[in-house]
Amino acid sequence: LSVPPVAAPALPVGASSRNLTADEQATINLFQRNTPSVVYITNLAQRRDVFTLNITEAPRGAGSGIVWDSSGHVVTNYHVIDGANE
């Protein structure tokens, strides 16, 4: 899994880091450092059509997770992947 670098968002027009408290700046820095590791997960479930008996894939759910390590392992909550086939 390769996660491309993400450019840091610009401050709103008229804002500067001088106007931020230390806590606000720390929160912004934390967000900018960790944003590239956040992933959006969608999963699919296989369903059999009752009339044709064909198997189709249908969206089952979605959620978020984080890239855990350099091997690309992702950590998420169980409900995000519960019942998924893919």
PDB file of N, CA and C in Angstrom:
ATOM      1  N   LEU A   1       0.857  -1.172   0.000  1.00  0.00           N
ATOM      2  CA  LEU A   1       0.000   0.000   0.000  1.00  0.00           C
ATOM      3  C   LEU A   1       0.892   1.219   0.000  1.00  0.00           C
ATOM      4  N   SER A   2       0.635   2.109  -0.921  1.00  0.00           N
ATOM      5  CA  SER A   2       1.418   3.328  -1.009  1.00  0.00           C
ATOM      6  C   SER A   2       0.494   4.510  -0.780  1.00  0.00           C
ATOM      7  N   VAL A   3       0.824   5.318   0.179  1.00  0.00           N
ATOM      8  CA  VAL A   3       0.016   6.493   0.496  1.00  0.00           C
ATOM      9  C   VAL A   3       0.760   7.733   0.020  1.00  0.00           C
ATOM     10  N   PRO A   4       0.197   8.433  -0.977  1.00  0.00           N
ATOM     11  CA  PRO A   4       0.895   9.617  -1.480  1.00  0.00           C
ATOM     12  C   PRO A   4       0.894  10.741  -0.448  1.00  0.00           C
ATOM     13  N   PRO A   5       1.911  11.576  -0.471  1.00  0.00           N
ATOM     14  CA  PRO A   5       1.944  12.708   0.464  1.00  0.00           C
ATOM     15  C   PRO A   5       0.807  13.675   0.182  1.00  0.00           C
ATOM     16  N   VAL A   6       0.339  14.293   1.230  1.00  0.00           N
ATOM     17  CA  VAL A   6      -0.761  15.253   1.124  1.00  0.00           C
ATOM     18  C   VAL A   6      -0.244  16.629   1.494  1.00  0.00           C
ATOM     19  N   ALA A   7      -0.551  17.604   0.661  1.00  0.00           N
ATOM     20  CA  ALA A   7      -0.130  18.977   0.947  1.00  0.00           C
ATOM     21  C   ALA A   7      -0.917  19.516   2.138  1.00  0.00           C
ATOM     22  N   ALA A   8      -0.244  20.263   2.961  1.00  0.00           N
ATOM     23  CA  ALA A   8      -0.910  20.868   4.115  1.00  0.00           C
ATOM     24  C   ALA A   8      -1.916  21.903   3.646  1.00  0.00           C
ATOM     25  N   PRO A   9      -3.116  21.911   4.256  1.00  0.00           N
ATOM     26  CA  PRO A   9      -4.107  22.902   3.842  1.00  0.00           C
ATOM     27  C   PRO A   9      -3.660  24.316   4.204  1.00  0.00           C
ATOM     28  N   ALA A  10      -4.026  25.244   3.375  1.00  0.00           N
ATOM     29  CA  ALA A  10      -3.680  26.647   3.622  1.00  0.00           C
ATOM     30  C   ALA A  10      -4.597  27.219   4.690  1.00  0.00           C
ATOM     31  N   LEU A  11      -4.095  28.204   5.401  1.00  0.00           N
ATOM     32  CA  LEU A  11      -4.929  28.904   6.377  1.00  0.00           C
ATOM     33  C   LEU A  11      -5.973  29.735   5.641  1.00  0.00           C
ATOM     34  N   PRO A  12      -7.133  29.950   6.262  1.00  0.00           N
ATOM     35  CA  PRO A  12      -8.135  30.803   5.630  1.00  0.00           C
ATOM     36  C   PRO A  12      -7.577  32.190   5.347  1.00  0.00           C
ATOM     37  N   VAL A  13      -8.140  32.860   4.348  1.00  0.00           N
ATOM     38  CA  VAL A  13      -7.692  34.205   3.980  1.00  0.00           C
ATOM     39  C   VAL A  13      -7.788  35.112   5.203  1.00  0.00           C
ATOM     40  N   GLY A  14      -6.723  35.818   5.473  1.00  0.00           N
ATOM     41  CA  GLY A  14      -6.709  36.748   6.602  1.00  0.00           C
ATOM     42  C   GLY A  14      -6.236  36.128   7.900  1.00  0.00           C
ATOM     43  N   ALA A  15      -6.089  34.800   7.938  1.00  0.00           N
ATOM     44  CA  ALA A  15      -5.642  34.148   9.167  1.00  0.00           C
ATOM     45  C   ALA A  15      -4.132  33.950   9.111  1.00  0.00           C
ATOM     46  N   SER A  16      -3.524  33.926  10.249  1.00  0.00           N
ATOM     47  CA  SER A  16      -2.100  33.620  10.309  1.00  0.00           C
ATOM     48  C   SER A  16      -1.851  32.814  11.573  1.00  0.00           C
ATOM     49  N   SER A  17      -0.730  32.119  11.610  1.00  0.00           N
ATOM     50  CA  SER A  17      -0.421  31.303  12.780  1.00  0.00           C
ATOM     51  C   SER A  17      -0.177  32.176  14.013  1.00  0.00           C
ATOM     52  N   ARG A  18       0.070  33.465  13.815  1.00  0.00           N
ATOM     53  CA  ARG A  18       0.260  34.375  14.956  1.00  0.00           C
ATOM     54  C   ARG A  18      -1.015  34.512  15.774  1.00  0.00           C
ATOM     55  N   ASN A  19      -2.182  34.306  15.132  1.00  0.00           N
ATOM     56  CA  ASN A  19      -3.455  34.496  15.808  1.00  0.00           C
ATOM     57  C   ASN A  19      -3.931  33.251  16.543  1.00  0.00           C
ATOM     58  N   LEU A  20      -3.175  32.167  16.471  1.00  0.00           N
ATOM     59  CA  LEU A  20      -3.599  30.919  17.075  1.00  0.00           C
ATOM     60  C   LEU A  20      -2.945  30.726  18.430  1.00  0.00           C
ATOM     61  N   THR A  21      -3.710  30.085  19.338  1.00  0.00           N
ATOM     62  CA  THR A  21      -3.121  29.742  20.632  1.00  0.00           C
ATOM     63  C   THR A  21      -2.199  28.539  20.434  1.00  0.00           C
ATOM     64  N   ALA A  22      -1.391  28.259  21.423  1.00  0.00           N
ATOM     65  CA  ALA A  22      -0.475  27.118  21.343  1.00  0.00           C
ATOM     66  C   ALA A  22      -1.255  25.813  21.168  1.00  0.00           C
ATOM     67  N   ASP A  23      -2.384  25.675  21.875  1.00  0.00           N
ATOM     68  CA  ASP A  23      -3.212  24.470  21.741  1.00  0.00           C
ATOM     69  C   ASP A  23      -3.791  24.341  20.335  1.00  0.00           C
ATOM     70  N   GLU A  24      -4.242  25.443  19.762  1.00  0.00           N
ATOM     71  CA  GLU A  24      -4.793  25.416  18.408  1.00  0.00           C
ATOM     72  C   GLU A  24      -3.723  25.010  17.393  1.00  0.00           C
ATOM     73  N   GLN A  25      -2.531  25.585  17.532  1.00  0.00           N
ATOM     74  CA  GLN A  25      -1.444  25.256  16.614  1.00  0.00           C
ATOM     75  C   GLN A  25      -1.019  23.800  16.776  1.00  0.00           C
ATOM     76  N   ALA A  26      -1.006  23.301  18.015  1.00  0.00           N
ATOM     77  CA  ALA A  26      -0.653  21.901  18.257  1.00  0.00           C
ATOM     78  C   ALA A  26      -1.671  20.969  17.604  1.00  0.00           C
ATOM     79  N   THR A  27      -2.941  21.328  17.667  1.00  0.00           N
ATOM     80  CA  THR A  27      -3.992  20.519  17.028  1.00  0.00           C
ATOM     81  C   THR A  27      -3.824  20.516  15.520  1.00  0.00           C
ATOM     82  N   ILE A  28      -3.544  21.655  14.946  1.00  0.00           N
ATOM     83  CA  ILE A  28      -3.321  21.754  13.493  1.00  0.00           C
ATOM     84  C   ILE A  28      -2.118  20.916  13.090  1.00  0.00           C
ATOM     85  N   ASN A  29      -1.032  21.007  13.840  1.00  0.00           N
ATOM     86  CA  ASN A  29       0.175  20.235  13.537  1.00  0.00           C
ATOM     87  C   ASN A  29      -0.100  18.739  13.620  1.00  0.00           C
ATOM     88  N   LEU A  30      -0.840  18.313  14.639  1.00  0.00           N
ATOM     89  CA  LEU A  30      -1.199  16.908  14.798  1.00  0.00           C
ATOM     90  C   LEU A  30      -2.011  16.423  13.600  1.00  0.00           C
ATOM     91  N   PHE A  31      -2.992  17.210  13.192  1.00  0.00           N
ATOM     92  CA  PHE A  31      -3.830  16.864  12.040  1.00  0.00           C
ATOM     93  C   PHE A  31      -2.981  16.741  10.769  1.00  0.00           C
ATOM     94  N   GLN A  32      -2.114  17.708  10.525  1.00  0.00           N
ATOM     95  CA  GLN A  32      -1.304  17.702   9.308  1.00  0.00           C
ATOM     96  C   GLN A  32      -0.329  16.526   9.269  1.00  0.00           C
ATOM     97  N   ARG A  33       0.212  16.132  10.423  1.00  0.00           N
ATOM     98  CA  ARG A  33       1.142  14.996  10.470  1.00  0.00           C
ATOM     99  C   ARG A  33       0.435  13.667  10.237  1.00  0.00           C
ATOM    100  N   ASN A  34      -0.798  13.529  10.714  1.00  0.00           N
ATOM    101  CA  ASN A  34      -1.470  12.237  10.705  1.00  0.00           C
ATOM    102  C   ASN A  34      -2.493  12.043   9.597  1.00  0.00           C
ATOM    103  N   THR A  35      -2.884  13.094   8.918  1.00  0.00           N
ATOM    104  CA  THR A  35      -3.873  12.982   7.853  1.00  0.00           C
ATOM    105  C   THR A  35      -3.503  11.944   6.788  1.00  0.00           C
ATOM    106  N   PRO A  36      -2.251  11.849   6.352  1.00  0.00           N
ATOM    107  CA  PRO A  36      -1.921  10.866   5.320  1.00  0.00           C
ATOM    108  C   PRO A  36      -2.151   9.413   5.736  1.00  0.00           C
ATOM    109  N   SER A  37      -2.249   9.123   7.020  1.00  0.00           N
ATOM    110  CA  SER A  37      -2.445   7.738   7.450  1.00  0.00           C
ATOM    111  C   SER A  37      -3.919   7.357   7.589  1.00  0.00           C
ATOM    112  N   VAL A  38      -4.821   8.293   7.406  1.00  0.00           N
ATOM    113  CA  VAL A  38      -6.253   8.010   7.533  1.00  0.00           C
ATOM    114  C   VAL A  38      -6.781   7.475   6.204  1.00  0.00           C
ATOM    115  N   VAL A  39      -7.571   6.393   6.285  1.00  0.00           N
ATOM    116  CA  VAL A  39      -8.125   5.777   5.078  1.00  0.00           C
ATOM    117  C   VAL A  39      -9.641   5.693   5.175  1.00  0.00           C
ATOM    118  N   TYR A  40     -10.282   5.695   4.007  1.00  0.00           N
ATOM    119  CA  TYR A  40     -11.729   5.499   3.913  1.00  0.00           C
ATOM    120  C   TYR A  40     -11.950   4.096   3.382  1.00  0.00           C
ATOM    121  N   ILE A  41     -12.762   3.326   4.062  1.00  0.00           N
ATOM    122  CA  ILE A  41     -12.967   1.924   3.734  1.00  0.00           C
ATOM    123  C   ILE A  41     -14.398   1.709   3.256  1.00  0.00           C
ATOM    124  N   THR A  42     -14.531   1.039   2.115  1.00  0.00           N
ATOM    125  CA  THR A  42     -15.852   0.582   1.667  1.00  0.00           C
ATOM    126  C   THR A  42     -15.757  -0.931   1.511  1.00  0.00           C
ATOM    127  N   ASN A  43     -16.850  -1.615   1.753  1.00  0.00           N
ATOM    128  CA  ASN A  43     -16.821  -3.054   1.586  1.00  0.00           C
ATOM    129  C   ASN A  43     -18.035  -3.521   0.798  1.00  0.00           C
ATOM    130  N   LEU A  44     -17.880  -4.697   0.230  1.00  0.00           N
ATOM    131  CA  LEU A  44     -18.918  -5.272  -0.615  1.00  0.00           C
ATOM    132  C   LEU A  44     -19.347  -6.620  -0.051  1.00  0.00           C
ATOM    133  N   ALA A  45     -20.610  -6.940  -0.229  1.00  0.00           N
ATOM    134  CA  ALA A  45     -21.128  -8.245   0.159  1.00  0.00           C
ATOM    135  C   ALA A  45     -21.708  -8.914  -1.076  1.00  0.00           C
ATOM    136  N   GLN A  46     -21.516 -10.216  -1.181  1.00  0.00           N
ATOM    137  CA  GLN A  46     -22.088 -10.948  -2.304  1.00  0.00           C
ATOM    138  C   GLN A  46     -23.526 -11.338  -1.973  1.00  0.00           C
ATOM    139  N   ARG A  47     -24.378 -11.160  -2.956  1.00  0.00           N
ATOM    140  CA  ARG A  47     -25.799 -11.494  -2.798  1.00  0.00           C
ATOM    141  C   ARG A  47     -26.225 -12.351  -3.977  1.00  0.00           C
ATOM    142  N   ARG A  48     -27.112 -13.281  -3.698  1.00  0.00           N
ATOM    143  CA  ARG A  48     -27.653 -14.111  -4.766  1.00  0.00           C
ATOM    144  C   ARG A  48     -29.050 -13.617  -5.109  1.00  0.00           C
ATOM    145  N   ASP A  49     -29.247 -13.310  -6.388  1.00  0.00           N
ATOM    146  CA  ASP A  49     -30.558 -12.882  -6.872  1.00  0.00           C
ATOM    147  C   ASP A  49     -31.520 -14.060  -6.749  1.00  0.00           C
ATOM    148  N   VAL A  50     -32.675 -13.849  -6.120  1.00  0.00           N
ATOM    149  CA  VAL A  50     -33.615 -14.946  -5.875  1.00  0.00           C
ATOM    150  C   VAL A  50     -34.273 -15.472  -7.152  1.00  0.00           C
ATOM    151  N   PHE A  51     -34.319 -14.670  -8.200  1.00  0.00           N
ATOM    152  CA  PHE A  51     -34.960 -15.098  -9.442  1.00  0.00           C
ATOM    153  C   PHE A  51     -33.980 -15.751 -10.412  1.00  0.00           C
ATOM    154  N   THR A  52     -32.813 -15.158 -10.585  1.00  0.00           N
ATOM    155  CA  THR A  52     -31.850 -15.674 -11.574  1.00  0.00           C
ATOM    156  C   THR A  52     -30.769 -16.543 -10.942  1.00  0.00           C
ATOM    157  N   LEU A  53     -30.645 -16.487  -9.637  1.00  0.00           N
ATOM    158  CA  LEU A  53     -29.596 -17.164  -8.872  1.00  0.00           C
ATOM    159  C   LEU A  53     -28.196 -16.655  -9.186  1.00  0.00           C
ATOM    160  N   ASN A  54     -28.108 -15.535  -9.906  1.00  0.00           N
ATOM    161  CA  ASN A  54     -26.825 -14.893 -10.168  1.00  0.00           C
ATOM    162  C   ASN A  54     -26.295 -14.266  -8.884  1.00  0.00           C
ATOM    163  N   ILE A  55     -24.980 -14.303  -8.741  1.00  0.00           N
ATOM    164  CA  ILE A  55     -24.351 -13.661  -7.584  1.00  0.00           C
ATOM    165  C   ILE A  55     -23.899 -12.274  -8.009  1.00  0.00           C
ATOM    166  N   THR A  56     -24.283 -11.280  -7.236  1.00  0.00           N
ATOM    167  CA  THR A  56     -23.877  -9.902  -7.487  1.00  0.00           C
ATOM    168  C   THR A  56     -23.217  -9.352  -6.223  1.00  0.00           C
ATOM    169  N   GLU A  57     -22.478  -8.280  -6.397  1.00  0.00           N
ATOM    170  CA  GLU A  57     -21.880  -7.601  -5.252  1.00  0.00           C
ATOM    171  C   GLU A  57     -22.636  -6.320  -4.996  1.00  0.00           C
ATOM    172  N   ALA A  58     -22.890  -6.056  -3.737  1.00  0.00           N
ATOM    173  CA  ALA A  58     -23.610  -4.847  -3.352  1.00  0.00           C
ATOM    174  C   ALA A  58     -22.845  -4.165  -2.226  1.00  0.00           C
ATOM    175  N   PRO A  59     -22.878  -2.835  -2.186  1.00  0.00           N
ATOM    176  CA  PRO A  59     -22.224  -2.131  -1.077  1.00  0.00           C
ATOM    177  C   PRO A  59     -22.806  -2.590   0.251  1.00  0.00           C
ATOM    178  N   ARG A  60     -21.940  -2.841   1.206  1.00  0.00           N
ATOM    179  CA  ARG A  60     -22.377  -3.337   2.512  1.00  0.00           C
ATOM    180  C   ARG A  60     -22.216  -2.270   3.590  1.00  0.00           C
ATOM    181  N   GLY A  61     -21.160  -1.483   3.498  1.00  0.00           N
ATOM    182  CA  GLY A  61     -20.924  -0.482   4.523  1.00  0.00           C
ATOM    183  C   GLY A  61     -19.656   0.293   4.240  1.00  0.00           C
ATOM    184  N   ALA A  62     -19.368   1.224   5.123  1.00  0.00           N
ATOM    185  CA  ALA A  62     -18.186   2.061   4.959  1.00  0.00           C
ATOM    186  C   ALA A  62     -17.770   2.611   6.316  1.00  0.00           C
ATOM    187  N   GLY A  63     -16.536   3.058   6.368  1.00  0.00           N
ATOM    188  CA  GLY A  63     -16.029   3.652   7.595  1.00  0.00           C
ATOM    189  C   GLY A  63     -14.610   4.142   7.384  1.00  0.00           C
ATOM    190  N   SER A  64     -13.933   4.406   8.477  1.00  0.00           N
ATOM    191  CA  SER A  64     -12.565   4.904   8.373  1.00  0.00           C
ATOM    192  C   SER A  64     -11.627   3.992   9.153  1.00  0.00           C
ATOM    193  N   GLY A  65     -10.351   4.178   8.908  1.00  0.00           N
ATOM    194  CA  GLY A  65      -9.325   3.437   9.612  1.00  0.00           C
ATOM    195  C   GLY A  65      -8.012   4.176   9.471  1.00  0.00           C
ATOM    196  N   ILE A  66      -6.950   3.546   9.957  1.00  0.00           N
ATOM    197  CA  ILE A  66      -5.625   4.147   9.830  1.00  0.00           C
ATOM    198  C   ILE A  66      -4.650   3.108   9.297  1.00  0.00           C
ATOM    199  N   VAL A  67      -3.670   3.569   8.517  1.00  0.00           N
ATOM    200  CA  VAL A  67      -2.579   2.705   8.093  1.00  0.00           C
ATOM    201  C   VAL A  67      -1.681   2.516   9.310  1.00  0.00           C
ATOM    202  N   TRP A  68      -1.528   1.268   9.736  1.00  0.00           N
ATOM    203  CA  TRP A  68      -0.846   0.954  10.985  1.00  0.00           C
ATOM    204  C   TRP A  68       0.672   0.888  10.842  1.00  0.00           C
ATOM    205  N   ASP A  69       1.148   0.335   9.709  1.00  0.00           N
ATOM    206  CA  ASP A  69       2.582   0.149   9.576  1.00  0.00           C
ATOM    207  C   ASP A  69       3.009   0.257   8.115  1.00  0.00           C
ATOM    208  N   SER A  70       4.299   0.134   7.881  1.00  0.00           N
ATOM    209  CA  SER A  70       4.828   0.290   6.526  1.00  0.00           C
ATOM    210  C   SER A  70       4.461  -0.870   5.614  1.00  0.00           C
ATOM    211  N   SER A  71       3.941  -1.967   6.160  1.00  0.00           N
ATOM    212  CA  SER A  71       3.471  -3.093   5.342  1.00  0.00           C
ATOM    213  C   SER A  71       2.070  -2.843   4.801  1.00  0.00           C
ATOM    214  N   GLY A  72       1.424  -1.785   5.268  1.00  0.00           N
ATOM    215  CA  GLY A  72       0.098  -1.433   4.768  1.00  0.00           C
ATOM    216  C   GLY A  72      -1.057  -2.015   5.553  1.00  0.00           C
ATOM    217  N   HIS A  73      -0.801  -2.582   6.729  1.00  0.00           N
ATOM    218  CA  HIS A  73      -1.894  -3.095   7.546  1.00  0.00           C
ATOM    219  C   HIS A  73      -2.771  -1.926   7.991  1.00  0.00           C
ATOM    220  N   VAL A  74      -4.072  -2.158   7.946  1.00  0.00           N
ATOM    221  CA  VAL A  74      -5.031  -1.114   8.304  1.00  0.00           C
ATOM    222  C   VAL A  74      -5.784  -1.542   9.561  1.00  0.00           C
ATOM    223  N   VAL A  75      -5.963  -0.628  10.489  1.00  0.00           N
ATOM    224  CA  VAL A  75      -6.728  -0.857  11.707  1.00  0.00           C
ATOM    225  C   VAL A  75      -8.045  -0.098  11.589  1.00  0.00           C
ATOM    226  N   THR A  76      -9.146  -0.804  11.864  1.00  0.00           N
ATOM    227  CA  THR A  76     -10.467  -0.182  11.834  1.00  0.00           C
ATOM    228  C   THR A  76     -11.346  -0.886  12.861  1.00  0.00           C
ATOM    229  N   ASN A  77     -12.560  -0.422  13.038  1.00  0.00           N
ATOM    230  CA  ASN A  77     -13.510  -1.069  13.931  1.00  0.00           C
ATOM    231  C   ASN A  77     -14.177  -2.239  13.221  1.00  0.00           C
ATOM    232  N   TYR A  78     -14.578  -3.237  13.994  1.00  0.00           N
ATOM    233  CA  TYR A  78     -15.171  -4.441  13.423  1.00  0.00           C
ATOM    234  C   TYR A  78     -16.443  -4.136  12.632  1.00  0.00           C
ATOM    235  N   HIS A  79     -17.267  -3.226  13.111  1.00  0.00           N
ATOM    236  CA  HIS A  79     -18.542  -2.955  12.415  1.00  0.00           C
ATOM    237  C   HIS A  79     -18.328  -2.434  10.994  1.00  0.00           C
ATOM    238  N   VAL A  80     -17.148  -1.908  10.705  1.00  0.00           N
ATOM    239  CA  VAL A  80     -16.854  -1.398   9.351  1.00  0.00           C
ATOM    240  C   VAL A  80     -16.743  -2.561   8.363  1.00  0.00           C
ATOM    241  N   ILE A  81     -16.231  -3.687   8.800  1.00  0.00           N
ATOM    242  CA  ILE A  81     -16.011  -4.823   7.899  1.00  0.00           C
ATOM    243  C   ILE A  81     -16.959  -5.990   8.154  1.00  0.00           C
ATOM    244  N   ASP A  82     -17.787  -5.923   9.170  1.00  0.00           N
ATOM    245  CA  ASP A  82     -18.703  -7.012   9.514  1.00  0.00           C
ATOM    246  C   ASP A  82     -19.586  -7.394   8.314  1.00  0.00           C
ATOM    247  N   GLY A  83     -19.575  -8.646   7.952  1.00  0.00           N
ATOM    248  CA  GLY A  83     -20.427  -9.146   6.873  1.00  0.00           C
ATOM    249  C   GLY A  83     -19.892  -8.899   5.475  1.00  0.00           C
ATOM    250  N   ALA A  84     -18.702  -8.371   5.349  1.00  0.00           N
ATOM    251  CA  ALA A  84     -18.155  -8.060   4.030  1.00  0.00           C
ATOM    252  C   ALA A  84     -17.512  -9.294   3.412  1.00  0.00           C
ATOM    253  N   ASN A  85     -17.589  -9.383   2.095  1.00  0.00           N
ATOM    254  CA  ASN A  85     -16.883 -10.425   1.358  1.00  0.00           C
ATOM    255  C   ASN A  85     -15.641  -9.879   0.685  1.00  0.00           C
ATOM    256  N   GLU A  86     -15.603  -8.586   0.469  1.00  0.00           N
ATOM    257  CA  GLU A  86     -14.484  -7.961  -0.218  1.00  0.00           C
ATOM    258  C   GLU A  86     -14.289  -6.559   0.300  1.00  0.00           C
TER     259      GLU A  86
END
